[in-house]
């Protein structure tokens, strides 16, 4: 039972972390696609 509770907590923490990293990921993808379109190839 404790394992299930711990697993649920880690899932919630992972969701919070992913929400924190989403803007950075979006910026990284934007930069990559911008460089890709500049060089003529899609990243």
PDB file of N, CA and C in Angstrom:
ATOM      1  N   UNK A   1       0.834  -1.202   0.000  1.00  0.00           N
ATOM      2  CA  UNK A   1       0.000   0.000   0.000  1.00  0.00           C
ATOM      3  C   UNK A   1       0.871   1.255   0.000  1.00  0.00           C
ATOM      4  N   UNK A   2       1.934   1.216   0.782  1.00  0.00           N
ATOM      5  CA  UNK A   2       2.856   2.350   0.860  1.00  0.00           C
ATOM      6  C   UNK A   2       3.526   2.584  -0.488  1.00  0.00           C
ATOM      7  N   UNK A   3       3.830   1.476  -1.184  1.00  0.00           N
ATOM      8  CA  UNK A   3       4.470   1.578  -2.499  1.00  0.00           C
ATOM      9  C   UNK A   3       3.558   2.319  -3.492  1.00  0.00           C
ATOM     10  N   UNK A   4       2.272   1.978  -3.460  1.00  0.00           N
ATOM     11  CA  UNK A   4       1.308   2.621  -4.365  1.00  0.00           C
ATOM     12  C   UNK A   4       1.223   4.119  -4.085  1.00  0.00           C
ATOM     13  N   UNK A   5       1.208   4.469  -2.801  1.00  0.00           N
ATOM     14  CA  UNK A   5       1.134   5.871  -2.411  1.00  0.00           C
ATOM     15  C   UNK A   5       2.392   6.613  -2.877  1.00  0.00           C
ATOM     16  N   UNK A   6       3.537   5.977  -2.701  1.00  0.00           N
ATOM     17  CA  UNK A   6       4.808   6.574  -3.104  1.00  0.00           C
ATOM     18  C   UNK A   6       4.848   6.766  -4.623  1.00  0.00           C
ATOM     19  N   UNK A   7       4.350   5.776  -5.348  1.00  0.00           N
ATOM     20  CA  UNK A   7       4.322   5.839  -6.804  1.00  0.00           C
ATOM     21  C   UNK A   7       3.432   6.985  -7.274  1.00  0.00           C
ATOM     22  N   UNK A   8       2.299   7.162  -6.613  1.00  0.00           N
ATOM     23  CA  UNK A   8       1.380   8.239  -6.966  1.00  0.00           C
ATOM     24  C   UNK A   8       2.046   9.590  -6.714  1.00  0.00           C
ATOM     25  N   UNK A   9       2.754   9.708  -5.601  1.00  0.00           N
ATOM     26  CA  UNK A   9       3.445  10.947  -5.266  1.00  0.00           C
ATOM     27  C   UNK A   9       4.502  11.275  -6.309  1.00  0.00           C
ATOM     28  N   UNK A  10       5.272  10.287  -6.719  1.00  0.00           N
ATOM     29  CA  UNK A  10       6.318  10.515  -7.708  1.00  0.00           C
ATOM     30  C   UNK A  10       5.715  10.919  -9.058  1.00  0.00           C
ATOM     31  N   UNK A  11       4.535  10.377  -9.355  1.00  0.00           N
ATOM     32  CA  UNK A  11       3.853  10.757 -10.603  1.00  0.00           C
ATOM     33  C   UNK A  11       3.440  12.227 -10.556  1.00  0.00           C
ATOM     34  N   UNK A  12       2.944  12.661  -9.390  1.00  0.00           N
ATOM     35  CA  UNK A  12       2.536  14.059  -9.215  1.00  0.00           C
ATOM     36  C   UNK A  12       3.764  14.969  -9.321  1.00  0.00           C
ATOM     37  N   UNK A  13       4.860  14.559  -8.701  1.00  0.00           N
ATOM     38  CA  UNK A  13       6.101  15.334  -8.761  1.00  0.00           C
ATOM     39  C   UNK A  13       6.619  15.415 -10.188  1.00  0.00           C
ATOM     40  N   UNK A  14       6.531  14.301 -10.910  1.00  0.00           N
ATOM     41  CA  UNK A  14       6.978  14.271 -12.302  1.00  0.00           C
ATOM     42  C   UNK A  14       6.132  15.221 -13.148  1.00  0.00           C
ATOM     43  N   UNK A  15       4.825  15.267 -12.867  1.00  0.00           N
ATOM     44  CA  UNK A  15       3.927  16.155 -13.596  1.00  0.00           C
ATOM     45  C   UNK A  15       4.294  17.610 -13.318  1.00  0.00           C
ATOM     46  N   UNK A  16       4.607  17.924 -12.053  1.00  0.00           N
ATOM     47  CA  UNK A  16       5.009  19.280 -11.689  1.00  0.00           C
ATOM     48  C   UNK A  16       6.309  19.653 -12.374  1.00  0.00           C
ATOM     49  N   UNK A  17       7.264  18.715 -12.410  1.00  0.00           N
ATOM     50  CA  UNK A  17       8.557  18.970 -13.053  1.00  0.00           C
ATOM     51  C   UNK A  17       8.384  19.184 -14.545  1.00  0.00           C
ATOM     52  N   UNK A  18       7.559  18.357 -15.165  1.00  0.00           N
ATOM     53  CA  UNK A  18       7.337  18.487 -16.611  1.00  0.00           C
ATOM     54  C   UNK A  18       6.691  19.830 -16.932  1.00  0.00           C
ATOM     55  N   UNK A  19       5.787  20.283 -16.066  1.00  0.00           N
ATOM     56  CA  UNK A  19       5.147  21.587 -16.263  1.00  0.00           C
ATOM     57  C   UNK A  19       6.176  22.711 -16.176  1.00  0.00           C
ATOM     58  N   UNK A  20       7.172  22.518 -15.291  1.00  0.00           N
ATOM     59  CA  UNK A  20       8.239  23.517 -15.158  1.00  0.00           C
ATOM     60  C   UNK A  20       9.108  23.550 -16.412  1.00  0.00           C
ATOM     61  N   UNK A  21       9.340  22.382 -17.015  1.00  0.00           N
ATOM     62  CA  UNK A  21      10.266  22.296 -18.145  1.00  0.00           C
ATOM     63  C   UNK A  21       9.617  22.534 -19.508  1.00  0.00           C
ATOM     64  N   UNK A  22       8.288  22.528 -19.553  1.00  0.00           N
ATOM     65  CA  UNK A  22       7.590  22.712 -20.835  1.00  0.00           C
ATOM     66  C   UNK A  22       7.994  24.009 -21.550  1.00  0.00           C
ATOM     67  N   UNK A  23       8.030  25.172 -20.867  1.00  0.00           N
ATOM     68  CA  UNK A  23       8.430  26.401 -21.575  1.00  0.00           C
ATOM     69  C   UNK A  23       9.836  26.314 -22.153  1.00  0.00           C
ATOM     70  N   UNK A  24      10.767  25.734 -21.387  1.00  0.00           N
ATOM     71  CA  UNK A  24      12.152  25.597 -21.857  1.00  0.00           C
ATOM     72  C   UNK A  24      12.218  24.677 -23.064  1.00  0.00           C
ATOM     73  N   UNK A  25      11.436  23.594 -23.023  1.00  0.00           N
ATOM     74  CA  UNK A  25      11.386  22.649 -24.137  1.00  0.00           C
ATOM     75  C   UNK A  25      10.849  23.341 -25.383  1.00  0.00           C
ATOM     76  N   UNK A  26       9.804  24.138 -25.201  1.00  0.00           N
ATOM     77  CA  UNK A  26       9.203  24.877 -26.314  1.00  0.00           C
ATOM     78  C   UNK A  26      10.213  25.843 -26.940  1.00  0.00           C
ATOM     79  N   UNK A  27      10.953  26.546 -26.079  1.00  0.00           N
ATOM     80  CA  UNK A  27      11.987  27.481 -26.559  1.00  0.00           C
ATOM     81  C   UNK A  27      13.065  26.732 -27.328  1.00  0.00           C
ATOM     82  N   UNK A  28      13.498  25.591 -26.780  1.00  0.00           N
ATOM     83  CA  UNK A  28      14.540  24.785 -27.429  1.00  0.00           C
ATOM     84  C   UNK A  28      14.081  24.308 -28.809  1.00  0.00           C
ATOM     85  N   UNK A  29      12.837  23.834 -28.896  1.00  0.00           N
ATOM     86  CA  UNK A  29      12.289  23.369 -30.176  1.00  0.00           C
ATOM     87  C   UNK A  29      12.192  24.522 -31.168  1.00  0.00           C
ATOM     88  N   UNK A  30      11.775  25.676 -30.687  1.00  0.00           N
ATOM     89  CA  UNK A  30      11.662  26.861 -31.549  1.00  0.00           C
ATOM     90  C   UNK A  30      13.018  27.252 -32.121  1.00  0.00           C
ATOM     91  N   UNK A  31      14.034  27.254 -31.243  1.00  0.00           N
ATOM     92  CA  UNK A  31      15.391  27.603 -31.682  1.00  0.00           C
ATOM     93  C   UNK A  31      15.902  26.579 -32.692  1.00  0.00           C
ATOM     94  N   UNK A  32      15.683  25.293 -32.394  1.00  0.00           N
ATOM     95  CA  UNK A  32      16.137  24.225 -33.293  1.00  0.00           C
ATOM     96  C   UNK A  32      15.472  24.324 -34.655  1.00  0.00           C
ATOM     97  N   UNK A  33      14.167  24.562 -34.664  1.00  0.00           N
ATOM     98  CA  UNK A  33      13.456  24.664 -35.936  1.00  0.00           C
ATOM     99  C   UNK A  33      13.886  25.916 -36.690  1.00  0.00           C
ATOM    100  N   UNK A  34      14.174  26.990 -35.965  1.00  0.00           N
ATOM    101  CA  UNK A  34      14.636  28.230 -36.594  1.00  0.00           C
ATOM    102  C   UNK A  34      15.984  27.999 -37.283  1.00  0.00           C
ATOM    103  N   UNK A  35      16.912  27.344 -36.575  1.00  0.00           N
ATOM    104  CA  UNK A  35      18.216  27.033 -37.165  1.00  0.00           C
ATOM    105  C   UNK A  35      18.059  26.072 -38.334  1.00  0.00           C
ATOM    106  N   UNK A  36      17.156  25.114 -38.184  1.00  0.00           N
ATOM    107  CA  UNK A  36      16.913  24.134 -39.242  1.00  0.00           C
ATOM    108  C   UNK A  36      16.387  24.783 -40.496  1.00  0.00           C
ATOM    109  N   UNK A  37      15.437  25.696 -40.365  1.00  0.00           N
ATOM    110  CA  UNK A  37      14.870  26.373 -41.534  1.00  0.00           C
ATOM    111  C   UNK A  37      15.892  27.311 -42.160  1.00  0.00           C
ATOM    112  N   UNK A  38      16.795  27.861 -41.355  1.00  0.00           N
ATOM    113  CA  UNK A  38      17.841  28.735 -41.876  1.00  0.00           C
ATOM    114  C   UNK A  38      18.830  27.985 -42.752  1.00  0.00           C
ATOM    115  N   UNK A  39      19.159  26.768 -42.322  1.00  0.00           N
ATOM    116  CA  UNK A  39      20.115  25.953 -43.083  1.00  0.00           C
ATOM    117  C   UNK A  39      19.420  25.146 -44.177  1.00  0.00           C
ATOM    118  N   UNK A  40      18.106  25.141 -44.189  1.00  0.00           N
ATOM    119  CA  UNK A  40      17.346  24.471 -45.231  1.00  0.00           C
ATOM    120  C   UNK A  40      16.948  23.047 -44.864  1.00  0.00           C
ATOM    121  N   UNK A  41      17.273  22.580 -43.642  1.00  0.00           N
ATOM    122  CA  UNK A  41      16.891  21.253 -43.210  1.00  0.00           C
ATOM    123  C   UNK A  41      16.105  21.344 -41.915  1.00  0.00           C
ATOM    124  N   UNK A  42      15.103  20.471 -41.756  1.00  0.00           N
ATOM    125  CA  UNK A  42      14.282  20.492 -40.543  1.00  0.00           C
ATOM    126  C   UNK A  42      14.949  19.686 -39.442  1.00  0.00           C
ATOM    127  N   UNK A  43      15.054  20.278 -38.270  1.00  0.00           N
ATOM    128  CA  UNK A  43      15.660  19.601 -37.117  1.00  0.00           C
ATOM    129  C   UNK A  43      14.682  18.592 -36.530  1.00  0.00           C
TER     130      UNK A  43
END
